[in-house]
């Protein structure tokens, strides 16, 4: 979980409501570009990626989404976490014609292919934990980091 925690510390954390995945990706992408963490084209790449390769994932306890775009748009490696006030519908990774209500999104901004695989492996471990469902009670980035340290 080391890499995952390191990248989440660099990213942001929020609890927010969105009407749909597109609104979420548009708002977050614009924020990350304005902060200098991503470059122009990031928003369009995120939306295109989600349309063509959905990121909604049914875990053992809680549906999630893991949106990401090509590394060429990333300036700062991080994982930005959004806990949705109400589930946001995303198309499923394994069955794109179906939707699931994601409770939390881990937006990946990664530059290296090996880092991408490491993060996905650590996320997979997290998602398999019986305690993962309790992530919905986290209220801050600090609580999220503490939660991740306890889960592993």
C-alpha atoms as a PDB file:
ATOM      1  CA  UNK A   1       0.000   0.000   0.000  1.00  0.00           C
ATOM      2  CA  UNK A   2       3.041   2.253   0.139  1.00  0.00           C
ATOM      3  CA  UNK A   3       2.782   3.543  -3.428  1.00  0.00           C
ATOM      4  CA  UNK A   4      -0.980   4.000  -3.126  1.00  0.00           C
ATOM      5  CA  UNK A   5      -0.675   6.017   0.098  1.00  0.00           C
ATOM      6  CA  UNK A   6       2.175   8.122  -1.284  1.00  0.00           C
ATOM      7  CA  UNK A   7       0.143   9.059  -4.370  1.00  0.00           C
ATOM      8  CA  UNK A   8      -3.053   9.748  -2.401  1.00  0.00           C
ATOM      9  CA  UNK A   9      -1.094  12.121  -0.130  1.00  0.00           C
ATOM     10  CA  UNK A  10      -0.118  14.096  -3.266  1.00  0.00           C
ATOM     11  CA  UNK A  11      -3.689  14.212  -4.539  1.00  0.00           C
ATOM     12  CA  UNK A  12      -6.838  15.745  -3.226  1.00  0.00           C
ATOM     13  CA  UNK A  13      -9.803  14.382  -1.303  1.00  0.00           C
ATOM     14  CA  UNK A  14     -13.361  15.589  -1.349  1.00  0.00           C
ATOM     15  CA  UNK A  15     -16.878  14.515  -0.526  1.00  0.00           C
ATOM     16  CA  UNK A  16     -19.174  15.796  -3.229  1.00  0.00           C
ATOM     17  CA  UNK A  17     -22.287  15.130  -5.256  1.00  0.00           C
ATOM     18  CA  UNK A  18     -22.375  14.857  -9.046  1.00  0.00           C
ATOM     19  CA  UNK A  19     -25.309  14.122 -11.351  1.00  0.00           C
ATOM     20  CA  UNK A  20     -23.257  11.860 -13.611  1.00  0.00           C
ATOM     21  CA  UNK A  21     -19.744  10.657 -14.417  1.00  0.00           C
ATOM     22  CA  UNK A  22     -19.254  13.257 -17.166  1.00  0.00           C
ATOM     23  CA  UNK A  23     -19.902  16.183 -14.802  1.00  0.00           C
ATOM     24  CA  UNK A  24     -17.474  14.656 -12.301  1.00  0.00           C
ATOM     25  CA  UNK A  25     -14.723  14.160 -14.898  1.00  0.00           C
ATOM     26  CA  UNK A  26     -15.228  17.613 -16.400  1.00  0.00           C
ATOM     27  CA  UNK A  27     -15.058  19.426 -13.051  1.00  0.00           C
ATOM     28  CA  UNK A  28     -12.117  17.425 -11.730  1.00  0.00           C
ATOM     29  CA  UNK A  29     -10.166  17.688 -14.984  1.00  0.00           C
ATOM     30  CA  UNK A  30     -10.631  21.456 -15.137  1.00  0.00           C
ATOM     31  CA  UNK A  31      -9.490  21.766 -11.516  1.00  0.00           C
ATOM     32  CA  UNK A  32      -6.394  19.595 -12.098  1.00  0.00           C
ATOM     33  CA  UNK A  33      -5.469  21.583 -15.215  1.00  0.00           C
ATOM     34  CA  UNK A  34      -5.916  24.920 -13.396  1.00  0.00           C
ATOM     35  CA  UNK A  35      -3.732  23.647 -10.513  1.00  0.00           C
ATOM     36  CA  UNK A  36      -1.008  22.730 -13.014  1.00  0.00           C
ATOM     37  CA  UNK A  37      -1.247  18.973 -12.323  1.00  0.00           C
ATOM     38  CA  UNK A  38      -2.428  18.126 -15.852  1.00  0.00           C
ATOM     39  CA  UNK A  39      -2.145  19.817 -19.235  1.00  0.00           C
ATOM     40  CA  UNK A  40      -4.667  20.943 -21.841  1.00  0.00           C
ATOM     41  CA  UNK A  41      -6.337  17.980 -23.463  1.00  0.00           C
ATOM     42  CA  UNK A  42      -6.586  16.094 -20.174  1.00  0.00           C
ATOM     43  CA  UNK A  43     -10.343  16.641 -19.837  1.00  0.00           C
ATOM     44  CA  UNK A  44     -11.069  15.442 -23.369  1.00  0.00           C
ATOM     45  CA  UNK A  45      -8.764  12.444 -22.864  1.00  0.00           C
ATOM     46  CA  UNK A  46     -10.484  11.517 -19.588  1.00  0.00           C
ATOM     47  CA  UNK A  47     -13.948  11.683 -21.133  1.00  0.00           C
ATOM     48  CA  UNK A  48     -12.900   9.786 -24.259  1.00  0.00           C
ATOM     49  CA  UNK A  49     -11.228   7.097 -22.176  1.00  0.00           C
ATOM     50  CA  UNK A  50     -14.321   6.680 -20.011  1.00  0.00           C
ATOM     51  CA  UNK A  51     -16.604   6.506 -23.064  1.00  0.00           C
ATOM     52  CA  UNK A  52     -14.474   3.872 -24.789  1.00  0.00           C
ATOM     53  CA  UNK A  53     -13.024   1.976 -21.828  1.00  0.00           C
ATOM     54  CA  UNK A  54     -15.323   2.405 -18.804  1.00  0.00           C
ATOM     55  CA  UNK A  55     -13.862   2.297 -15.319  1.00  0.00           C
ATOM     56  CA  UNK A  56     -16.797   1.319 -13.092  1.00  0.00           C
ATOM     57  CA  UNK A  57     -15.791  -1.661 -10.994  1.00  0.00           C
ATOM     58  CA  UNK A  58     -17.853  -3.901  -8.738  1.00  0.00           C
ATOM     59  CA  UNK A  59     -15.668  -4.823  -5.771  1.00  0.00           C
ATOM     60  CA  UNK A  60     -16.457  -7.359  -3.047  1.00  0.00           C
ATOM     61  CA  UNK A  61     -18.288  -4.711  -1.034  1.00  0.00           C
ATOM     62  CA  UNK A  62     -18.563  -1.326  -2.745  1.00  0.00           C
ATOM     63  CA  UNK A  63     -18.704  -0.211  -6.402  1.00  0.00           C
ATOM     64  CA  UNK A  64     -15.878   2.162  -7.370  1.00  0.00           C
ATOM     65  CA  UNK A  65     -14.489   3.924 -10.420  1.00  0.00           C
ATOM     66  CA  UNK A  66     -10.870   4.295 -11.444  1.00  0.00           C
ATOM     67  CA  UNK A  67     -10.757   6.941 -14.194  1.00  0.00           C
ATOM     68  CA  UNK A  68      -7.459   7.801 -15.835  1.00  0.00           C
ATOM     69  CA  UNK A  69      -6.015   9.222 -19.033  1.00  0.00           C
ATOM     70  CA  UNK A  70      -2.853   8.834 -21.066  1.00  0.00           C
ATOM     71  CA  UNK A  71       0.335   9.729 -19.205  1.00  0.00           C
ATOM     72  CA  UNK A  72       1.201  12.441 -21.745  1.00  0.00           C
ATOM     73  CA  UNK A  73      -1.416  14.691 -20.096  1.00  0.00           C
ATOM     74  CA  UNK A  74      -0.076  14.246 -16.546  1.00  0.00           C
ATOM     75  CA  UNK A  75       2.300  16.743 -14.940  1.00  0.00           C
ATOM     76  CA  UNK A  76       2.006  15.649 -11.297  1.00  0.00           C
ATOM     77  CA  UNK A  77       1.682  11.994 -10.341  1.00  0.00           C
ATOM     78  CA  UNK A  78      -1.103  11.534  -7.810  1.00  0.00           C
ATOM     79  CA  UNK A  79      -4.340   9.823  -6.984  1.00  0.00           C
ATOM     80  CA  UNK A  80      -7.245  12.172  -6.461  1.00  0.00           C
ATOM     81  CA  UNK A  81     -10.045  10.638  -4.364  1.00  0.00           C
ATOM     82  CA  UNK A  82     -13.693  11.651  -4.426  1.00  0.00           C
ATOM     83  CA  UNK A  83     -16.234  10.119  -2.096  1.00  0.00           C
ATOM     84  CA  UNK A  84     -19.629  10.640  -3.704  1.00  0.00           C
ATOM     85  CA  UNK A  85     -22.488  11.869  -1.494  1.00  0.00           C
ATOM     86  CA  UNK A  86     -24.757   9.664  -3.585  1.00  0.00           C
ATOM     87  CA  UNK A  87     -23.610   6.997  -6.046  1.00  0.00           C
ATOM     88  CA  UNK A  88     -22.574   8.201  -9.508  1.00  0.00           C
ATOM     89  CA  UNK A  89     -23.396   5.888 -12.395  1.00  0.00           C
ATOM     90  CA  UNK A  90     -20.410   4.598 -14.371  1.00  0.00           C
ATOM     91  CA  UNK A  91     -20.362   1.955 -17.067  1.00  0.00           C
ATOM     92  CA  UNK A  92     -18.711  -1.254 -15.918  1.00  0.00           C
ATOM     93  CA  UNK A  93     -15.185  -2.322 -16.862  1.00  0.00           C
ATOM     94  CA  UNK A  94     -16.236  -5.938 -17.315  1.00  0.00           C
ATOM     95  CA  UNK A  95     -19.637  -5.335 -18.908  1.00  0.00           C
ATOM     96  CA  UNK A  96     -19.666  -1.883 -20.590  1.00  0.00           C
ATOM     97  CA  UNK A  97     -23.350  -1.998 -21.504  1.00  0.00           C
ATOM     98  CA  UNK A  98     -24.220  -2.142 -17.786  1.00  0.00           C
ATOM     99  CA  UNK A  99     -23.909   0.647 -15.226  1.00  0.00           C
ATOM    100  CA  UNK A 100     -23.079   0.582 -11.532  1.00  0.00           C
ATOM    101  CA  UNK A 101     -23.419   3.272  -8.889  1.00  0.00           C
ATOM    102  CA  UNK A 102     -19.900   4.198  -7.795  1.00  0.00           C
ATOM    103  CA  UNK A 103     -19.518   5.362  -4.193  1.00  0.00           C
ATOM    104  CA  UNK A 104     -15.896   6.429  -4.519  1.00  0.00           C
ATOM    105  CA  UNK A 105     -13.549   7.341  -7.334  1.00  0.00           C
ATOM    106  CA  UNK A 106      -9.797   6.952  -7.420  1.00  0.00           C
ATOM    107  CA  UNK A 107      -8.662   9.227 -10.271  1.00  0.00           C
ATOM    108  CA  UNK A 108      -5.215   8.095 -11.353  1.00  0.00           C
ATOM    109  CA  UNK A 109      -2.678  10.591 -12.668  1.00  0.00           C
ATOM    110  CA  UNK A 110       0.349   8.450 -13.416  1.00  0.00           C
ATOM    111  CA  UNK A 111       3.359   8.891 -15.704  1.00  0.00           C
ATOM    112  CA  UNK A 112       5.015   5.486 -15.560  1.00  0.00           C
ATOM    113  CA  UNK A 113       3.568   2.187 -16.788  1.00  0.00           C
ATOM    114  CA  UNK A 114       5.109   0.238 -13.896  1.00  0.00           C
ATOM    115  CA  UNK A 115       3.574   2.687 -11.403  1.00  0.00           C
ATOM    116  CA  UNK A 116       0.194   2.098 -13.031  1.00  0.00           C
ATOM    117  CA  UNK A 117       0.492  -1.650 -12.505  1.00  0.00           C
ATOM    118  CA  UNK A 118       1.727  -1.229  -8.912  1.00  0.00           C
ATOM    119  CA  UNK A 119      -1.181   1.070  -8.078  1.00  0.00           C
ATOM    120  CA  UNK A 120      -3.738  -1.250  -9.661  1.00  0.00           C
ATOM    121  CA  UNK A 121      -2.312  -4.152  -7.666  1.00  0.00           C
ATOM    122  CA  UNK A 122      -2.520  -2.184  -4.411  1.00  0.00           C
ATOM    123  CA  UNK A 123      -6.045  -0.987  -5.215  1.00  0.00           C
ATOM    124  CA  UNK A 124      -7.040  -4.577  -5.912  1.00  0.00           C
ATOM    125  CA  UNK A 125      -5.751  -5.587  -2.473  1.00  0.00           C
ATOM    126  CA  UNK A 126      -7.700  -2.746  -0.903  1.00  0.00           C
ATOM    127  CA  UNK A 127     -10.901  -3.684  -2.733  1.00  0.00           C
ATOM    128  CA  UNK A 128     -10.614  -7.286  -1.531  1.00  0.00           C
ATOM    129  CA  UNK A 129     -10.449  -6.261   2.121  1.00  0.00           C
ATOM    130  CA  UNK A 130     -13.537  -6.965   4.214  1.00  0.00           C
ATOM    131  CA  UNK A 131     -13.041  -3.520   5.771  1.00  0.00           C
ATOM    132  CA  UNK A 132     -13.097  -1.650   2.440  1.00  0.00           C
ATOM    133  CA  UNK A 133     -16.822  -0.877   2.766  1.00  0.00           C
ATOM    134  CA  UNK A 134     -15.999   1.339   5.775  1.00  0.00           C
ATOM    135  CA  UNK A 135     -14.189   3.802   3.500  1.00  0.00           C
ATOM    136  CA  UNK A 136     -17.532   5.570   3.021  1.00  0.00           C
ATOM    137  CA  UNK A 137     -17.225   6.908   6.590  1.00  0.00           C
ATOM    138  CA  UNK A 138     -13.937   8.720   5.922  1.00  0.00           C
ATOM    139  CA  UNK A 139     -14.304  12.513   6.179  1.00  0.00           C
ATOM    140  CA  UNK A 140     -10.851  13.883   5.278  1.00  0.00           C
ATOM    141  CA  UNK A 141      -7.631  13.020   3.490  1.00  0.00           C
ATOM    142  CA  UNK A 142      -5.954  12.397   6.844  1.00  0.00           C
ATOM    143  CA  UNK A 143      -8.701   9.937   7.829  1.00  0.00           C
ATOM    144  CA  UNK A 144      -8.353   8.266   4.434  1.00  0.00           C
ATOM    145  CA  UNK A 145      -4.602   7.768   4.926  1.00  0.00           C
ATOM    146  CA  UNK A 146      -5.174   6.363   8.429  1.00  0.00           C
ATOM    147  CA  UNK A 147      -7.891   4.074   7.091  1.00  0.00           C
ATOM    148  CA  UNK A 148      -5.588   2.742   4.353  1.00  0.00           C
ATOM    149  CA  UNK A 149      -2.822   2.044   6.861  1.00  0.00           C
ATOM    150  CA  UNK A 150      -5.251   0.108   9.079  1.00  0.00           C
ATOM    151  CA  UNK A 151      -6.812  -1.934   6.281  1.00  0.00           C
ATOM    152  CA  UNK A 152      -3.573  -3.528   5.176  1.00  0.00           C
END
